[in-house]
Amino acid sequence: MIGVRDIGKAGFLVLMLTAGAASAAPFGGPETVKGSVAVSYAELDLTKPAGATALYERLQRAAAEVCGLNVRTVGLTGGASTAQKKACYQDALSRAVAQVDAPLLEAQHAG
């Protein structure tokens, strides 16, 4: 079985979500956000700020796509509630950043 660190070393991450488990539960809605997006970063040097920034932008786009947010306007595209989609986005992005385990990426995410 491939571990999280093995995925990171390969430079490929699949952002997978079932928002019903963590993000949607507090809102009590019957609808869950499900999906996955593959994010490749094999060509990026995550020890450099430019590489971390490029990956962070990819992860933001992937999280928005999986959670049903419009990437350009960060508006809703229908389906789950606004609060549920925003929680899904934050959860997906945080989990993806943690999976990559790169200090510059984590610092960028922390703001």
PDB file of N, CA and C in Angstrom:
ATOM      1  N   MET A   1       0.845  -1.185   0.000  1.00  0.00           N
ATOM      2  CA  MET A   1       0.000   0.000   0.000  1.00  0.00           C
ATOM      3  C   MET A   1       0.885   1.241   0.000  1.00  0.00           C
ATOM      4  N   ILE A   2       0.460   2.255  -0.713  1.00  0.00           N
ATOM      5  CA  ILE A   2       1.222   3.493  -0.802  1.00  0.00           C
ATOM      6  C   ILE A   2       0.833   4.388   0.361  1.00  0.00           C
ATOM      7  N   GLY A   3       1.831   4.869   1.092  1.00  0.00           N
ATOM      8  CA  GLY A   3       1.590   5.780   2.201  1.00  0.00           C
ATOM      9  C   GLY A   3       1.569   7.219   1.721  1.00  0.00           C
ATOM     10  N   VAL A   4       1.160   8.127   2.608  1.00  0.00           N
ATOM     11  CA  VAL A   4       1.093   9.550   2.274  1.00  0.00           C
ATOM     12  C   VAL A   4       2.459  10.076   1.879  1.00  0.00           C
ATOM     13  N   ARG A   5       3.498   9.691   2.580  1.00  0.00           N
ATOM     14  CA  ARG A   5       4.836  10.171   2.248  1.00  0.00           C
ATOM     15  C   ARG A   5       5.276   9.678   0.873  1.00  0.00           C
ATOM     16  N   ASP A   6       4.874   8.454   0.503  1.00  0.00           N
ATOM     17  CA  ASP A   6       5.205   7.938  -0.828  1.00  0.00           C
ATOM     18  C   ASP A   6       4.519   8.761  -1.907  1.00  0.00           C
ATOM     19  N   ILE A   7       3.298   9.156  -1.664  1.00  0.00           N
ATOM     20  CA  ILE A   7       2.580   9.981  -2.632  1.00  0.00           C
ATOM     21  C   ILE A   7       3.302  11.305  -2.797  1.00  0.00           C
ATOM     22  N   GLY A   8       3.703  11.923  -1.694  1.00  0.00           N
ATOM     23  CA  GLY A   8       4.411  13.195  -1.753  1.00  0.00           C
ATOM     24  C   GLY A   8       5.719  13.084  -2.504  1.00  0.00           C
ATOM     25  N   LYS A   9       6.434  12.016  -2.301  1.00  0.00           N
ATOM     26  CA  LYS A   9       7.710  11.832  -2.984  1.00  0.00           C
ATOM     27  C   LYS A   9       7.513  11.673  -4.486  1.00  0.00           C
ATOM     28  N   ALA A  10       6.404  11.117  -4.873  1.00  0.00           N
ATOM     29  CA  ALA A  10       6.129  10.923  -6.295  1.00  0.00           C
ATOM     30  C   ALA A  10       5.715  12.227  -6.970  1.00  0.00           C
ATOM     31  N   GLY A  11       5.388  13.237  -6.182  1.00  0.00           N
ATOM     32  CA  GLY A  11       4.984  14.505  -6.753  1.00  0.00           C
ATOM     33  C   GLY A  11       3.586  14.481  -7.358  1.00  0.00           C
ATOM     34  N   PHE A  12       2.722  13.690  -6.758  1.00  0.00           N
ATOM     35  CA  PHE A  12       1.372  13.538  -7.275  1.00  0.00           C
ATOM     36  C   PHE A  12       0.444  13.379  -6.095  1.00  0.00           C
ATOM     37  N   LEU A  13      -0.614  14.119  -6.069  1.00  0.00           N
ATOM     38  CA  LEU A  13      -1.547  14.084  -4.957  1.00  0.00           C
ATOM     39  C   LEU A  13      -2.959  14.004  -5.515  1.00  0.00           C
ATOM     40  N   VAL A  14      -3.771  13.174  -4.920  1.00  0.00           N
ATOM     41  CA  VAL A  14      -5.174  13.133  -5.305  1.00  0.00           C
ATOM     42  C   VAL A  14      -5.960  13.705  -4.144  1.00  0.00           C
ATOM     43  N   LEU A  15      -6.580  14.832  -4.388  1.00  0.00           N
ATOM     44  CA  LEU A  15      -7.380  15.509  -3.388  1.00  0.00           C
ATOM     45  C   LEU A  15      -8.755  14.864  -3.406  1.00  0.00           C
ATOM     46  N   MET A  16      -9.051  14.077  -2.380  1.00  0.00           N
ATOM     47  CA  MET A  16     -10.312  13.354  -2.337  1.00  0.00           C
ATOM     48  C   MET A  16     -11.137  13.848  -1.162  1.00  0.00           C
ATOM     49  N   LEU A  17     -12.418  13.991  -1.390  1.00  0.00           N
ATOM     50  CA  LEU A  17     -13.295  14.524  -0.376  1.00  0.00           C
ATOM     51  C   LEU A  17     -14.601  13.788  -0.267  1.00  0.00           C
ATOM     52  N   THR A  18     -15.038  13.638   0.921  1.00  0.00           N
ATOM     53  CA  THR A  18     -16.426  13.355   1.229  1.00  0.00           C
ATOM     54  C   THR A  18     -16.743  14.311   2.354  1.00  0.00           C
ATOM     55  N   ALA A  19     -17.270  15.434   2.024  1.00  0.00           N
ATOM     56  CA  ALA A  19     -17.463  16.501   2.994  1.00  0.00           C
ATOM     57  C   ALA A  19     -18.475  16.142   4.062  1.00  0.00           C
ATOM     58  N   GLY A  20     -19.300  15.167   3.823  1.00  0.00           N
ATOM     59  CA  GLY A  20     -20.307  14.789   4.808  1.00  0.00           C
ATOM     60  C   GLY A  20     -19.708  14.342   6.119  1.00  0.00           C
ATOM     61  N   ALA A  21     -18.521  13.771   6.099  1.00  0.00           N
ATOM     62  CA  ALA A  21     -17.924  13.246   7.319  1.00  0.00           C
ATOM     63  C   ALA A  21     -17.427  14.344   8.247  1.00  0.00           C
ATOM     64  N   ALA A  22     -16.670  15.298   7.733  1.00  0.00           N
ATOM     65  CA  ALA A  22     -16.076  16.303   8.598  1.00  0.00           C
ATOM     66  C   ALA A  22     -16.721  17.664   8.456  1.00  0.00           C
ATOM     67  N   SER A  23     -16.876  18.124   7.256  1.00  0.00           N
ATOM     68  CA  SER A  23     -17.300  19.501   7.044  1.00  0.00           C
ATOM     69  C   SER A  23     -18.807  19.697   7.076  1.00  0.00           C
ATOM     70  N   ALA A  24     -19.562  18.772   6.562  1.00  0.00           N
ATOM     71  CA  ALA A  24     -20.995  19.006   6.433  1.00  0.00           C
ATOM     72  C   ALA A  24     -21.776  18.598   7.670  1.00  0.00           C
ATOM     73  N   ALA A  25     -21.205  17.755   8.502  1.00  0.00           N
ATOM     74  CA  ALA A  25     -21.928  17.250   9.661  1.00  0.00           C
ATOM     75  C   ALA A  25     -22.535  18.351  10.527  1.00  0.00           C
ATOM     76  N   PRO A  26     -21.819  19.446  10.839  1.00  0.00           N
ATOM     77  CA  PRO A  26     -22.410  20.467  11.695  1.00  0.00           C
ATOM     78  C   PRO A  26     -23.610  21.162  11.066  1.00  0.00           C
ATOM     79  N   PHE A  27     -23.744  21.113   9.770  1.00  0.00           N
ATOM     80  CA  PHE A  27     -24.819  21.830   9.104  1.00  0.00           C
ATOM     81  C   PHE A  27     -26.058  20.959   8.926  1.00  0.00           C
ATOM     82  N   GLY A  28     -25.921  19.683   9.149  1.00  0.00           N
ATOM     83  CA  GLY A  28     -27.059  18.785   9.137  1.00  0.00           C
ATOM     84  C   GLY A  28     -27.728  18.594   7.789  1.00  0.00           C
ATOM     85  N   GLY A  29     -27.108  19.049   6.718  1.00  0.00           N
ATOM     86  CA  GLY A  29     -27.703  18.919   5.394  1.00  0.00           C
ATOM     87  C   GLY A  29     -27.594  17.506   4.882  1.00  0.00           C
ATOM     88  N   PRO A  30     -28.585  17.053   4.113  1.00  0.00           N
ATOM     89  CA  PRO A  30     -28.556  15.690   3.587  1.00  0.00           C
ATOM     90  C   PRO A  30     -27.563  15.523   2.453  1.00  0.00           C
ATOM     91  N   GLU A  31     -27.195  16.615   1.817  1.00  0.00           N
ATOM     92  CA  GLU A  31     -26.322  16.529   0.649  1.00  0.00           C
ATOM     93  C   GLU A  31     -24.860  16.566   1.086  1.00  0.00           C
ATOM     94  N   THR A  32     -24.039  15.735   0.486  1.00  0.00           N
ATOM     95  CA  THR A  32     -22.608  15.773   0.755  1.00  0.00           C
ATOM     96  C   THR A  32     -21.877  16.108  -0.526  1.00  0.00           C
ATOM     97  N   VAL A  33     -20.722  16.702  -0.367  1.00  0.00           N
ATOM     98  CA  VAL A  33     -19.894  17.043  -1.514  1.00  0.00           C
ATOM     99  C   VAL A  33     -18.869  15.939  -1.655  1.00  0.00           C
ATOM    100  N   LYS A  34     -18.814  15.322  -2.824  1.00  0.00           N
ATOM    101  CA  LYS A  34     -17.892  14.217  -3.051  1.00  0.00           C
ATOM    102  C   LYS A  34     -17.120  14.473  -4.328  1.00  0.00           C
ATOM    103  N   GLY A  35     -15.895  14.018  -4.353  1.00  0.00           N
ATOM    104  CA  GLY A  35     -15.139  14.130  -5.576  1.00  0.00           C
ATOM    105  C   GLY A  35     -13.663  13.975  -5.337  1.00  0.00           C
ATOM    106  N   SER A  36     -12.914  14.044  -6.416  1.00  0.00           N
ATOM    107  CA  SER A  36     -11.466  13.976  -6.314  1.00  0.00           C
ATOM    108  C   SER A  36     -10.855  14.695  -7.504  1.00  0.00           C
ATOM    109  N   VAL A  37      -9.697  15.247  -7.276  1.00  0.00           N
ATOM    110  CA  VAL A  37      -8.945  15.938  -8.316  1.00  0.00           C
ATOM    111  C   VAL A  37      -7.487  15.554  -8.129  1.00  0.00           C
ATOM    112  N   ALA A  38      -6.828  15.160  -9.198  1.00  0.00           N
ATOM    113  CA  ALA A  38      -5.405  14.845  -9.143  1.00  0.00           C
ATOM    114  C   ALA A  38      -4.613  16.133  -9.329  1.00  0.00           C
ATOM    115  N   VAL A  39      -3.609  16.311  -8.482  1.00  0.00           N
ATOM    116  CA  VAL A  39      -2.749  17.494  -8.559  1.00  0.00           C
ATOM    117  C   VAL A  39      -1.309  17.005  -8.687  1.00  0.00           C
ATOM    118  N   SER A  40      -0.694  17.313  -9.805  1.00  0.00           N
ATOM    119  CA  SER A  40       0.695  16.921 -10.030  1.00  0.00           C
ATOM    120  C   SER A  40       1.612  18.087  -9.689  1.00  0.00           C
ATOM    121  N   TYR A  41       2.724  17.756  -9.034  1.00  0.00           N
ATOM    122  CA  TYR A  41       3.701  18.799  -8.717  1.00  0.00           C
ATOM    123  C   TYR A  41       5.128  18.273  -8.821  1.00  0.00           C
ATOM    124  N   ALA A  42       5.321  17.236  -9.603  1.00  0.00           N
ATOM    125  CA  ALA A  42       6.637  16.620  -9.734  1.00  0.00           C
ATOM    126  C   ALA A  42       7.688  17.595 -10.258  1.00  0.00           C
ATOM    127  N   GLU A  43       7.276  18.547 -11.090  1.00  0.00           N
ATOM    128  CA  GLU A  43       8.243  19.475 -11.674  1.00  0.00           C
ATOM    129  C   GLU A  43       8.548  20.665 -10.768  1.00  0.00           C
ATOM    130  N   LEU A  44       7.863  20.780  -9.641  1.00  0.00           N
ATOM    131  CA  LEU A  44       8.047  21.928  -8.751  1.00  0.00           C
ATOM    132  C   LEU A  44       9.084  21.649  -7.672  1.00  0.00           C
ATOM    133  N   ASP A  45       9.871  22.643  -7.351  1.00  0.00           N
ATOM    134  CA  ASP A  45      10.834  22.554  -6.250  1.00  0.00           C
ATOM    135  C   ASP A  45      10.181  23.215  -5.036  1.00  0.00           C
ATOM    136  N   LEU A  46       9.695  22.397  -4.123  1.00  0.00           N
ATOM    137  CA  LEU A  46       8.961  22.907  -2.969  1.00  0.00           C
ATOM    138  C   LEU A  46       9.865  23.493  -1.888  1.00  0.00           C
ATOM    139  N   THR A  47      11.177  23.489  -2.126  1.00  0.00           N
ATOM    140  CA  THR A  47      12.094  24.158  -1.199  1.00  0.00           C
ATOM    141  C   THR A  47      12.302  25.614  -1.610  1.00  0.00           C
ATOM    142  N   LYS A  48      11.675  26.005  -2.710  1.00  0.00           N
ATOM    143  CA  LYS A  48      11.761  27.385  -3.211  1.00  0.00           C
ATOM    144  C   LYS A  48      10.370  28.025  -3.105  1.00  0.00           C
ATOM    145  N   PRO A  49      10.324  29.323  -2.759  1.00  0.00           N
ATOM    146  CA  PRO A  49       9.023  30.003  -2.637  1.00  0.00           C
ATOM    147  C   PRO A  49       8.159  29.913  -3.900  1.00  0.00           C
ATOM    148  N   ALA A  50       8.762  30.030  -5.052  1.00  0.00           N
ATOM    149  CA  ALA A  50       7.984  29.970  -6.304  1.00  0.00           C
ATOM    150  C   ALA A  50       7.311  28.613  -6.476  1.00  0.00           C
ATOM    151  N   GLY A  51       8.007  27.546  -6.135  1.00  0.00           N
ATOM    152  CA  GLY A  51       7.437  26.206  -6.245  1.00  0.00           C
ATOM    153  C   GLY A  51       6.289  26.004  -5.270  1.00  0.00           C
ATOM    154  N   ALA A  52       6.470  26.463  -4.028  1.00  0.00           N
ATOM    155  CA  ALA A  52       5.416  26.338  -3.025  1.00  0.00           C
ATOM    156  C   ALA A  52       4.189  27.159  -3.422  1.00  0.00           C
ATOM    157  N   THR A  53       4.413  28.347  -3.959  1.00  0.00           N
ATOM    158  CA  THR A  53       3.303  29.207  -4.392  1.00  0.00           C
ATOM    159  C   THR A  53       2.533  28.558  -5.541  1.00  0.00           C
ATOM    160  N   ALA A  54       3.250  28.015  -6.501  1.00  0.00           N
ATOM    161  CA  ALA A  54       2.598  27.361  -7.641  1.00  0.00           C
ATOM    162  C   ALA A  54       1.749  26.182  -7.176  1.00  0.00           C
ATOM    163  N   LEU A  55       2.279  25.370  -6.267  1.00  0.00           N
ATOM    164  CA  LEU A  55       1.507  24.231  -5.777  1.00  0.00           C
ATOM    165  C   LEU A  55       0.312  24.700  -4.966  1.00  0.00           C
ATOM    166  N   TYR A  56       0.486  25.714  -4.139  1.00  0.00           N
ATOM    167  CA  TYR A  56      -0.627  26.221  -3.332  1.00  0.00           C
ATOM    168  C   TYR A  56      -1.773  26.687  -4.229  1.00  0.00           C
ATOM    169  N   GLU A  57      -1.451  27.364  -5.313  1.00  0.00           N
ATOM    170  CA  GLU A  57      -2.483  27.805  -6.256  1.00  0.00           C
ATOM    171  C   GLU A  57      -3.193  26.612  -6.896  1.00  0.00           C
ATOM    172  N   ARG A  58      -2.449  25.572  -7.228  1.00  0.00           N
ATOM    173  CA  ARG A  58      -3.059  24.362  -7.794  1.00  0.00           C
ATOM    174  C   ARG A  58      -3.993  23.706  -6.775  1.00  0.00           C
ATOM    175  N   LEU A  59      -3.540  23.654  -5.521  1.00  0.00           N
ATOM    176  CA  LEU A  59      -4.359  23.039  -4.480  1.00  0.00           C
ATOM    177  C   LEU A  59      -5.625  23.854  -4.224  1.00  0.00           C
ATOM    178  N   GLN A  60      -5.510  25.173  -4.283  1.00  0.00           N
ATOM    179  CA  GLN A  60      -6.693  26.020  -4.114  1.00  0.00           C
ATOM    180  C   GLN A  60      -7.708  25.756  -5.226  1.00  0.00           C
ATOM    181  N   ARG A  61      -7.232  25.675  -6.457  1.00  0.00           N
ATOM    182  CA  ARG A  61      -8.134  25.409  -7.585  1.00  0.00           C
ATOM    183  C   ARG A  61      -8.777  24.028  -7.443  1.00  0.00           C
ATOM    184  N   ALA A  62      -7.985  23.041  -7.041  1.00  0.00           N
ATOM    185  CA  ALA A  62      -8.510  21.682  -6.897  1.00  0.00           C
ATOM    186  C   ALA A  62      -9.553  21.622  -5.787  1.00  0.00           C
ATOM    187  N   ALA A  63      -9.277  22.248  -4.657  1.00  0.00           N
ATOM    188  CA  ALA A  63     -10.237  22.255  -3.548  1.00  0.00           C
ATOM    189  C   ALA A  63     -11.529  22.953  -3.955  1.00  0.00           C
ATOM    190  N   ALA A  64     -11.410  24.057  -4.679  1.00  0.00           N
ATOM    191  CA  ALA A  64     -12.601  24.770  -5.149  1.00  0.00           C
ATOM    192  C   ALA A  64     -13.417  23.894  -6.098  1.00  0.00           C
ATOM    193  N   GLU A  65     -12.736  23.189  -6.977  1.00  0.00           N
ATOM    194  CA  GLU A  65     -13.422  22.317  -7.935  1.00  0.00           C
ATOM    195  C   GLU A  65     -14.148  21.182  -7.227  1.00  0.00           C
ATOM    196  N   VAL A  66     -13.460  20.525  -6.317  1.00  0.00           N
ATOM    197  CA  VAL A  66     -14.045  19.393  -5.611  1.00  0.00           C
ATOM    198  C   VAL A  66     -15.242  19.829  -4.770  1.00  0.00           C
ATOM    199  N   CYS A  67     -15.167  21.023  -4.211  1.00  0.00           N
ATOM    200  CA  CYS A  67     -16.210  21.476  -3.289  1.00  0.00           C
ATOM    201  C   CYS A  67     -17.323  22.282  -3.955  1.00  0.00           C
ATOM    202  N   GLY A  68     -17.245  22.444  -5.267  1.00  0.00           N
ATOM    203  CA  GLY A  68     -18.321  23.113  -5.976  1.00  0.00           C
ATOM    204  C   GLY A  68     -18.275  24.619  -5.916  1.00  0.00           C
ATOM    205  N   LEU A  69     -17.098  25.179  -5.749  1.00  0.00           N
ATOM    206  CA  LEU A  69     -16.936  26.629  -5.779  1.00  0.00           C
ATOM    207  C   LEU A  69     -16.472  27.036  -7.163  1.00  0.00           C
ATOM    208  N   ASN A  70     -16.917  28.180  -7.621  1.00  0.00           N
ATOM    209  CA  ASN A  70     -16.454  28.704  -8.896  1.00  0.00           C
ATOM    210  C   ASN A  70     -15.035  29.206  -8.690  1.00  0.00           C
ATOM    211  N   VAL A  71     -14.091  28.698  -9.439  1.00  0.00           N
ATOM    212  CA  VAL A  71     -12.676  29.017  -9.256  1.00  0.00           C
ATOM    213  C   VAL A  71     -12.392  30.498  -9.502  1.00  0.00           C
ATOM    214  N   ARG A  72     -13.006  31.087 -10.480  1.00  0.00           N
ATOM    215  CA  ARG A  72     -12.715  32.489 -10.818  1.00  0.00           C
ATOM    216  C   ARG A  72     -13.324  33.466  -9.831  1.00  0.00           C
ATOM    217  N   THR A  73     -14.551  33.211  -9.412  1.00  0.00           N
ATOM    218  CA  THR A  73     -15.225  34.175  -8.548  1.00  0.00           C
ATOM    219  C   THR A  73     -15.326  33.700  -7.113  1.00  0.00           C
ATOM    220  N   VAL A  74     -14.920  32.471  -6.847  1.00  0.00           N
ATOM    221  CA  VAL A  74     -15.074  31.807  -5.566  1.00  0.00           C
ATOM    222  C   VAL A  74     -16.540  31.904  -5.122  1.00  0.00           C
ATOM    223  N   GLY A  75     -17.410  31.870  -6.113  1.00  0.00           N
ATOM    224  CA  GLY A  75     -18.837  31.849  -5.843  1.00  0.00           C
ATOM    225  C   GLY A  75     -19.354  30.426  -5.898  1.00  0.00           C
ATOM    226  N   LEU A  76     -20.586  30.250  -5.523  1.00  0.00           N
ATOM    227  CA  LEU A  76     -21.173  28.918  -5.497  1.00  0.00           C
ATOM    228  C   LEU A  76     -21.670  28.510  -6.867  1.00  0.00           C
ATOM    229  N   THR A  77     -21.598  27.219  -7.144  1.00  0.00           N
ATOM    230  CA  THR A  77     -22.073  26.705  -8.427  1.00  0.00           C
ATOM    231  C   THR A  77     -23.317  25.845  -8.259  1.00  0.00           C
ATOM    232  N   GLY A  78     -23.951  25.891  -7.117  1.00  0.00           N
ATOM    233  CA  GLY A  78     -25.179  25.131  -6.889  1.00  0.00           C
ATOM    234  C   GLY A  78     -24.935  23.914  -6.018  1.00  0.00           C
ATOM    235  N   GLY A  79     -26.020  23.317  -5.541  1.00  0.00           N
ATOM    236  CA  GLY A  79     -25.903  22.120  -4.724  1.00  0.00           C
ATOM    237  C   GLY A  79     -25.887  22.436  -3.245  1.00  0.00           C
ATOM    238  N   ALA A  80     -24.833  22.059  -2.566  1.00  0.00           N
ATOM    239  CA  ALA A  80     -24.725  22.192  -1.119  1.00  0.00           C
ATOM    240  C   ALA A  80     -24.780  23.662  -0.696  1.00  0.00           C
ATOM    241  N   SER A  81     -25.026  23.873   0.593  1.00  0.00           N
ATOM    242  CA  SER A  81     -25.143  25.225   1.124  1.00  0.00           C
ATOM    243  C   SER A  81     -23.821  25.978   1.062  1.00  0.00           C
ATOM    244  N   THR A  82     -23.910  27.290   1.147  1.00  0.00           N
ATOM    245  CA  THR A  82     -22.719  28.138   1.136  1.00  0.00           C
ATOM    246  C   THR A  82     -21.759  27.748   2.261  1.00  0.00           C
ATOM    247  N   ALA A  83     -22.268  27.626   3.453  1.00  0.00           N
ATOM    248  CA  ALA A  83     -21.419  27.289   4.603  1.00  0.00           C
ATOM    249  C   ALA A  83     -20.766  25.919   4.416  1.00  0.00           C
ATOM    250  N   GLN A  84     -21.512  24.978   3.877  1.00  0.00           N
ATOM    251  CA  GLN A  84     -20.982  23.630   3.670  1.00  0.00           C
ATOM    252  C   GLN A  84     -19.862  23.653   2.642  1.00  0.00           C
ATOM    253  N   LYS A  85     -20.041  24.391   1.562  1.00  0.00           N
ATOM    254  CA  LYS A  85     -19.011  24.446   0.526  1.00  0.00           C
ATOM    255  C   LYS A  85     -17.761  25.156   1.012  1.00  0.00           C
ATOM    256  N   LYS A  86     -17.924  26.220   1.773  1.00  0.00           N
ATOM    257  CA  LYS A  86     -16.755  26.926   2.304  1.00  0.00           C
ATOM    258  C   LYS A  86     -15.997  26.051   3.304  1.00  0.00           C
ATOM    259  N   ALA A  87     -16.726  25.328   4.140  1.00  0.00           N
ATOM    260  CA  ALA A  87     -16.085  24.416   5.089  1.00  0.00           C
ATOM    261  C   ALA A  87     -15.370  23.288   4.344  1.00  0.00           C
ATOM    262  N   CYS A  88     -16.001  22.779   3.304  1.00  0.00           N
ATOM    263  CA  CYS A  88     -15.404  21.734   2.475  1.00  0.00           C
ATOM    264  C   CYS A  88     -14.098  22.235   1.877  1.00  0.00           C
ATOM    265  N   TYR A  89     -14.124  23.438   1.323  1.00  0.00           N
ATOM    266  CA  TYR A  89     -12.930  24.031   0.694  1.00  0.00           C
ATOM    267  C   TYR A  89     -11.782  24.155   1.697  1.00  0.00           C
ATOM    268  N   GLN A  90     -12.073  24.716   2.855  1.00  0.00           N
ATOM    269  CA  GLN A  90     -11.028  24.905   3.870  1.00  0.00           C
ATOM    270  C   GLN A  90     -10.467  23.559   4.338  1.00  0.00           C
ATOM    271  N   ASP A  91     -11.341  22.593   4.556  1.00  0.00           N
ATOM    272  CA  ASP A  91     -10.915  21.272   5.001  1.00  0.00           C
ATOM    273  C   ASP A  91     -10.059  20.588   3.934  1.00  0.00           C
ATOM    274  N   ALA A  92     -10.505  20.631   2.692  1.00  0.00           N
ATOM    275  CA  ALA A  92      -9.768  19.988   1.600  1.00  0.00           C
ATOM    276  C   ALA A  92      -8.396  20.622   1.429  1.00  0.00           C
ATOM    277  N   LEU A  93      -8.338  21.937   1.452  1.00  0.00           N
ATOM    278  CA  LEU A  93      -7.073  22.635   1.276  1.00  0.00           C
ATOM    279  C   LEU A  93      -6.124  22.333   2.430  1.00  0.00           C
ATOM    280  N   SER A  94      -6.615  22.367   3.645  1.00  0.00           N
ATOM    281  CA  SER A  94      -5.771  22.086   4.813  1.00  0.00           C
ATOM    282  C   SER A  94      -5.233  20.658   4.787  1.00  0.00           C
ATOM    283  N   ARG A  95      -6.104  19.702   4.427  1.00  0.00           N
ATOM    284  CA  ARG A  95      -5.657  18.303   4.381  1.00  0.00           C
ATOM    285  C   ARG A  95      -4.635  18.079   3.278  1.00  0.00           C
ATOM    286  N   ALA A  96      -4.829  18.723   2.140  1.00  0.00           N
ATOM    287  CA  ALA A  96      -3.881  18.568   1.029  1.00  0.00           C
ATOM    288  C   ALA A  96      -2.521  19.145   1.399  1.00  0.00           C
ATOM    289  N   VAL A  97      -2.515  20.320   2.003  1.00  0.00           N
ATOM    290  CA  VAL A  97      -1.256  20.941   2.430  1.00  0.00           C
ATOM    291  C   VAL A  97      -0.542  20.037   3.434  1.00  0.00           C
ATOM    292  N   ALA A  98      -1.278  19.491   4.375  1.00  0.00           N
ATOM    293  CA  ALA A  98      -0.681  18.597   5.371  1.00  0.00           C
ATOM    294  C   ALA A  98      -0.112  17.335   4.731  1.00  0.00           C
ATOM    295  N   GLN A  99      -0.786  16.812   3.717  1.00  0.00           N
ATOM    296  CA  GLN A  99      -0.317  15.592   3.056  1.00  0.00           C
ATOM    297  C   GLN A  99       1.002  15.809   2.330  1.00  0.00           C
ATOM    298  N   VAL A 100       1.177  16.976   1.748  1.00  0.00           N
ATOM    299  CA  VAL A 100       2.404  17.248   1.008  1.00  0.00           C
ATOM    300  C   VAL A 100       3.581  17.370   1.963  1.00  0.00           C
ATOM    301  N   ASP A 101       3.344  17.939   3.134  1.00  0.00           N
ATOM    302  CA  ASP A 101       4.371  18.046   4.178  1.00  0.00           C
ATOM    303  C   ASP A 101       5.604  18.803   3.691  1.00  0.00           C
ATOM    304  N   ALA A 102       5.383  20.040   3.221  1.00  0.00           N
ATOM    305  CA  ALA A 102       6.480  20.916   2.767  1.00  0.00           C
ATOM    306  C   ALA A 102       6.402  22.219   3.573  1.00  0.00           C
ATOM    307  N   PRO A 103       7.460  22.551   4.306  1.00  0.00           N
ATOM    308  CA  PRO A 103       7.424  23.724   5.190  1.00  0.00           C
ATOM    309  C   PRO A 103       7.009  25.031   4.519  1.00  0.00           C
ATOM    310  N   LEU A 104       7.505  25.326   3.332  1.00  0.00           N
ATOM    311  CA  LEU A 104       7.139  26.584   2.664  1.00  0.00           C
ATOM    312  C   LEU A 104       5.653  26.593   2.259  1.00  0.00           C
ATOM    313  N   LEU A 105       5.143  25.442   1.875  1.00  0.00           N
ATOM    314  CA  LEU A 105       3.725  25.329   1.531  1.00  0.00           C
ATOM    315  C   LEU A 105       2.870  25.528   2.778  1.00  0.00           C
ATOM    316  N   GLU A 106       3.268  24.910   3.870  1.00  0.00           N
ATOM    317  CA  GLU A 106       2.546  25.050   5.133  1.00  0.00           C
ATOM    318  C   GLU A 106       2.573  26.499   5.617  1.00  0.00           C
ATOM    319  N   ALA A 107       3.701  27.171   5.462  1.00  0.00           N
ATOM    320  CA  ALA A 107       3.801  28.569   5.865  1.00  0.00           C
ATOM    321  C   ALA A 107       2.876  29.448   5.021  1.00  0.00           C
ATOM    322  N   GLN A 108       2.800  29.167   3.751  1.00  0.00           N
ATOM    323  CA  GLN A 108       1.922  29.951   2.873  1.00  0.00           C
ATOM    324  C   GLN A 108       0.464  29.742   3.261  1.00  0.00           C
ATOM    325  N   HIS A 109       0.118  28.517   3.580  1.00  0.00           N
ATOM    326  CA  HIS A 109      -1.254  28.209   3.980  1.00  0.00           C
ATOM    327  C   HIS A 109      -1.606  28.898   5.304  1.00  0.00           C
ATOM    328  N   ALA A 110      -0.654  28.969   6.192  1.00  0.00           N
ATOM    329  CA  ALA A 110      -0.892  29.603   7.495  1.00  0.00           C
ATOM    330  C   ALA A 110      -1.081  31.105   7.366  1.00  0.00           C
ATOM    331  N   GLY A 111      -0.634  31.657   6.232  1.00  0.00           N
ATOM    332  CA  GLY A 111      -0.874  33.055   5.952  1.00  0.00           C
ATOM    333  C   GLY A 111       0.269  33.923   6.280  1.00  0.00           C
TER     334      GLY A 111
END
